[in-house]
N, C-alpha and C. Protein backbone atom coordinates (compact mmCIF):
# COMPACT_ATOMS: atom_id res chain seq x y z
N MET A 1 0.84 -1.17 0.00
CA MET A 1 0.00 0.00 0.00
C MET A 1 0.90 1.24 0.00
N ASN A 2 0.62 2.18 -0.91
CA ASN A 2 1.45 3.38 -0.97
C ASN A 2 0.99 4.42 0.06
N ARG A 3 1.75 5.49 0.18
CA ARG A 3 1.49 6.49 1.23
C ARG A 3 0.18 7.23 1.02
N VAL A 4 -0.18 7.51 -0.23
CA VAL A 4 -1.45 8.18 -0.50
C VAL A 4 -2.61 7.30 -0.02
N GLU A 5 -2.53 6.02 -0.28
CA GLU A 5 -3.58 5.10 0.18
C GLU A 5 -3.64 5.04 1.70
N GLN A 6 -2.47 5.06 2.35
CA GLN A 6 -2.44 5.04 3.82
C GLN A 6 -3.07 6.31 4.39
N ILE A 7 -2.77 7.45 3.79
CA ILE A 7 -3.36 8.72 4.23
C ILE A 7 -4.87 8.68 4.03
N ARG A 8 -5.30 8.22 2.86
CA ARG A 8 -6.73 8.14 2.55
C ARG A 8 -7.46 7.26 3.59
N ILE A 9 -6.94 6.11 3.87
CA ILE A 9 -7.58 5.20 4.83
C ILE A 9 -7.68 5.86 6.21
N ALA A 10 -6.60 6.47 6.67
CA ALA A 10 -6.61 7.11 7.99
C ALA A 10 -7.64 8.22 8.06
N LEU A 11 -7.73 9.04 7.01
CA LEU A 11 -8.68 10.15 7.01
C LEU A 11 -10.11 9.66 6.84
N GLU A 12 -10.32 8.64 6.05
CA GLU A 12 -11.67 8.09 5.88
C GLU A 12 -12.17 7.48 7.19
N GLN A 13 -11.29 6.81 7.91
CA GLN A 13 -11.69 6.21 9.19
C GLN A 13 -12.00 7.29 10.22
N ALA A 14 -11.25 8.37 10.21
CA ALA A 14 -11.42 9.42 11.21
C ALA A 14 -12.62 10.32 10.93
N PHE A 15 -12.90 10.59 9.65
CA PHE A 15 -13.87 11.64 9.32
C PHE A 15 -15.05 11.21 8.46
N LYS A 16 -15.02 10.06 7.84
CA LYS A 16 -16.07 9.67 6.89
C LYS A 16 -16.37 10.83 5.94
N PRO A 17 -15.35 11.31 5.22
CA PRO A 17 -15.49 12.51 4.40
C PRO A 17 -16.45 12.33 3.22
N GLU A 18 -17.08 13.43 2.86
CA GLU A 18 -17.93 13.45 1.67
C GLU A 18 -17.08 13.56 0.42
N TYR A 19 -15.90 14.14 0.58
CA TYR A 19 -14.96 14.29 -0.53
C TYR A 19 -13.56 14.30 0.05
N ILE A 20 -12.65 13.69 -0.67
CA ILE A 20 -11.25 13.72 -0.26
C ILE A 20 -10.37 13.64 -1.51
N ASP A 21 -9.34 14.46 -1.53
CA ASP A 21 -8.36 14.42 -2.62
C ASP A 21 -6.99 14.55 -1.98
N ILE A 22 -6.11 13.65 -2.35
CA ILE A 22 -4.75 13.64 -1.80
C ILE A 22 -3.77 13.65 -2.96
N GLU A 23 -2.87 14.61 -2.93
CA GLU A 23 -1.85 14.72 -3.97
C GLU A 23 -0.48 14.51 -3.34
N ASP A 24 0.29 13.62 -3.93
CA ASP A 24 1.67 13.41 -3.50
C ASP A 24 2.53 14.38 -4.28
N ASP A 25 3.03 15.39 -3.60
CA ASP A 25 3.83 16.44 -4.23
C ASP A 25 5.32 16.26 -3.93
N SER A 26 5.70 15.06 -3.53
CA SER A 26 7.08 14.80 -3.11
C SER A 26 8.09 15.04 -4.22
N ALA A 27 7.73 14.74 -5.46
CA ALA A 27 8.66 14.90 -6.58
C ALA A 27 9.09 16.35 -6.76
N SER A 28 8.23 17.29 -6.36
CA SER A 28 8.57 18.71 -6.47
C SER A 28 9.59 19.15 -5.43
N HIS A 29 9.88 18.28 -4.49
CA HIS A 29 10.77 18.63 -3.38
C HIS A 29 12.02 17.77 -3.35
N THR A 30 12.39 17.21 -4.46
CA THR A 30 13.60 16.39 -4.54
C THR A 30 14.79 17.20 -4.08
N GLY A 31 15.59 16.63 -3.20
CA GLY A 31 16.76 17.32 -2.67
C GLY A 31 16.48 18.08 -1.39
N HIS A 32 15.22 18.29 -1.07
CA HIS A 32 14.82 18.97 0.16
C HIS A 32 15.14 18.06 1.34
N ALA A 33 15.42 18.63 2.48
CA ALA A 33 15.81 17.85 3.66
C ALA A 33 14.80 16.76 3.98
N GLY A 34 13.52 17.08 3.91
CA GLY A 34 12.49 16.09 4.21
C GLY A 34 12.47 14.95 3.22
N ALA A 35 12.81 15.24 1.97
CA ALA A 35 12.82 14.20 0.93
C ALA A 35 13.99 13.26 1.13
N ARG A 36 15.09 13.77 1.65
CA ARG A 36 16.28 12.93 1.84
C ARG A 36 16.05 11.82 2.86
N ASP A 37 15.19 12.07 3.84
CA ASP A 37 14.95 11.03 4.84
C ASP A 37 13.81 10.10 4.45
N GLY A 38 13.30 10.26 3.22
CA GLY A 38 12.29 9.34 2.71
C GLY A 38 10.86 9.75 2.97
N LYS A 39 10.66 10.81 3.70
CA LYS A 39 9.30 11.27 3.96
C LYS A 39 8.81 12.11 2.78
N GLY A 40 7.49 12.26 2.68
CA GLY A 40 6.93 12.94 1.52
C GLY A 40 6.19 14.22 1.85
N HIS A 41 5.86 14.94 0.77
CA HIS A 41 5.09 16.18 0.82
C HIS A 41 3.72 15.89 0.20
N PHE A 42 2.65 16.26 0.91
CA PHE A 42 1.31 15.93 0.45
C PHE A 42 0.38 17.12 0.58
N ASN A 43 -0.57 17.19 -0.35
CA ASN A 43 -1.64 18.19 -0.32
C ASN A 43 -2.95 17.43 -0.13
N VAL A 44 -3.75 17.86 0.85
CA VAL A 44 -5.01 17.20 1.16
C VAL A 44 -6.15 18.20 1.10
N VAL A 45 -7.20 17.82 0.39
CA VAL A 45 -8.47 18.53 0.43
C VAL A 45 -9.47 17.54 1.01
N ILE A 46 -10.13 17.93 2.09
CA ILE A 46 -11.07 17.02 2.75
C ILE A 46 -12.33 17.79 3.15
N VAL A 47 -13.48 17.14 2.93
CA VAL A 47 -14.77 17.74 3.23
C VAL A 47 -15.51 16.80 4.18
N SER A 48 -15.88 17.34 5.35
CA SER A 48 -16.55 16.51 6.35
C SER A 48 -17.44 17.36 7.25
N THR A 49 -18.54 16.78 7.66
CA THR A 49 -19.41 17.45 8.63
C THR A 49 -18.73 17.58 9.99
N ASP A 50 -17.70 16.79 10.22
CA ASP A 50 -16.96 16.87 11.48
C ASP A 50 -16.29 18.23 11.68
N PHE A 51 -16.13 18.98 10.60
CA PHE A 51 -15.45 20.28 10.68
C PHE A 51 -16.42 21.43 11.00
N GLU A 52 -17.72 21.14 11.04
CA GLU A 52 -18.69 22.19 11.33
C GLU A 52 -18.45 22.74 12.74
N ALA A 53 -18.55 24.05 12.86
CA ALA A 53 -18.35 24.77 14.12
C ALA A 53 -16.93 24.64 14.66
N LYS A 54 -15.98 24.30 13.80
CA LYS A 54 -14.57 24.21 14.18
C LYS A 54 -13.79 25.30 13.47
N SER A 55 -12.83 25.89 14.16
CA SER A 55 -11.96 26.88 13.54
C SER A 55 -10.98 26.18 12.60
N LEU A 56 -10.31 26.97 11.80
CA LEU A 56 -9.31 26.42 10.88
C LEU A 56 -8.22 25.67 11.65
N ILE A 57 -7.76 26.25 12.74
CA ILE A 57 -6.72 25.60 13.54
C ILE A 57 -7.23 24.29 14.13
N GLN A 58 -8.47 24.28 14.62
CA GLN A 58 -9.04 23.04 15.17
C GLN A 58 -9.13 21.97 14.09
N ARG A 59 -9.52 22.34 12.89
CA ARG A 59 -9.63 21.38 11.78
C ARG A 59 -8.26 20.79 11.46
N HIS A 60 -7.26 21.65 11.38
CA HIS A 60 -5.91 21.16 11.08
C HIS A 60 -5.41 20.23 12.18
N ARG A 61 -5.68 20.58 13.42
CA ARG A 61 -5.27 19.71 14.53
C ARG A 61 -5.96 18.36 14.44
N MET A 62 -7.22 18.35 14.03
CA MET A 62 -7.96 17.09 13.88
C MET A 62 -7.31 16.21 12.80
N VAL A 63 -6.92 16.84 11.69
CA VAL A 63 -6.28 16.09 10.61
C VAL A 63 -4.91 15.58 11.06
N TYR A 64 -4.14 16.44 11.71
CA TYR A 64 -2.83 16.01 12.21
C TYR A 64 -2.97 14.84 13.18
N LYS A 65 -3.97 14.88 14.05
CA LYS A 65 -4.19 13.80 15.00
C LYS A 65 -4.52 12.50 14.25
N ALA A 66 -5.36 12.58 13.24
CA ALA A 66 -5.73 11.39 12.47
C ALA A 66 -4.53 10.79 11.74
N LEU A 67 -3.57 11.64 11.41
CA LEU A 67 -2.39 11.19 10.67
C LEU A 67 -1.14 11.10 11.54
N SER A 68 -1.30 11.12 12.84
CA SER A 68 -0.14 11.21 13.74
C SER A 68 0.90 10.12 13.50
N ASP A 69 0.46 8.88 13.31
CA ASP A 69 1.44 7.81 13.07
C ASP A 69 2.20 8.03 11.77
N LEU A 70 1.50 8.45 10.72
CA LEU A 70 2.16 8.67 9.43
C LEU A 70 3.07 9.89 9.45
N LEU A 71 2.75 10.87 10.30
CA LEU A 71 3.62 12.03 10.44
C LEU A 71 4.96 11.64 11.03
N GLU A 72 4.98 10.59 11.81
CA GLU A 72 6.22 10.09 12.40
C GLU A 72 7.10 9.38 11.36
N THR A 73 6.45 8.71 10.40
CA THR A 73 7.19 7.80 9.52
C THR A 73 7.21 8.19 8.05
N ASP A 74 6.14 8.83 7.54
CA ASP A 74 6.00 8.98 6.09
C ASP A 74 5.75 10.40 5.59
N ILE A 75 5.28 11.28 6.45
CA ILE A 75 4.89 12.62 6.01
C ILE A 75 5.86 13.65 6.58
N HIS A 76 6.50 14.40 5.68
CA HIS A 76 7.37 15.50 6.10
C HIS A 76 6.60 16.81 6.11
N ALA A 77 5.79 17.04 5.07
CA ALA A 77 5.04 18.28 4.94
C ALA A 77 3.62 17.96 4.48
N LEU A 78 2.65 18.72 5.02
CA LEU A 78 1.26 18.46 4.73
C LEU A 78 0.53 19.78 4.56
N SER A 79 -0.05 19.98 3.39
CA SER A 79 -0.91 21.14 3.13
C SER A 79 -2.35 20.66 3.27
N ILE A 80 -3.13 21.35 4.10
CA ILE A 80 -4.49 20.91 4.40
C ILE A 80 -5.50 21.98 4.01
N GLN A 81 -6.52 21.55 3.28
CA GLN A 81 -7.71 22.37 3.04
C GLN A 81 -8.87 21.55 3.57
N ALA A 82 -9.42 21.97 4.71
CA ALA A 82 -10.49 21.24 5.37
C ALA A 82 -11.77 22.07 5.34
N PHE A 83 -12.79 21.54 4.70
CA PHE A 83 -14.05 22.27 4.51
C PHE A 83 -15.23 21.52 5.11
N THR A 84 -16.26 22.27 5.45
CA THR A 84 -17.56 21.67 5.72
C THR A 84 -18.22 21.47 4.35
N PRO A 85 -19.25 20.64 4.27
CA PRO A 85 -19.93 20.48 2.98
C PRO A 85 -20.47 21.79 2.40
N ASN A 86 -21.03 22.64 3.25
CA ASN A 86 -21.56 23.92 2.77
C ASN A 86 -20.46 24.81 2.22
N GLN A 87 -19.34 24.86 2.91
CA GLN A 87 -18.21 25.66 2.42
C GLN A 87 -17.71 25.14 1.09
N PHE A 88 -17.61 23.82 0.96
CA PHE A 88 -17.07 23.22 -0.26
C PHE A 88 -17.99 23.44 -1.45
N SER A 89 -19.29 23.41 -1.22
CA SER A 89 -20.24 23.61 -2.32
C SER A 89 -20.20 25.06 -2.81
N ALA A 90 -19.72 25.98 -1.98
CA ALA A 90 -19.62 27.39 -2.38
C ALA A 90 -18.32 27.71 -3.10
N VAL A 91 -17.39 26.75 -3.11
CA VAL A 91 -16.08 26.98 -3.74
C VAL A 91 -16.18 26.80 -5.25
């Protein structure tokens, strides 16, 4: 199982998202310190009702918590866009 699949499974288990998109952007960071140790750079867009009434910081903390094990072993950098369904439909 690749890292994108691992991230997807962890986020789906934690949030039951209505939409999720994960991009592995590691190739753009070749030579970067994080890339040298084998960890990757990822962009995540996630839509879940779990984010309702949560601040941006709270949402990011929720995602980091769901991915805590992978942050130790596989993720060097993570860009997060966390939306409620209403916010995402307005984008």
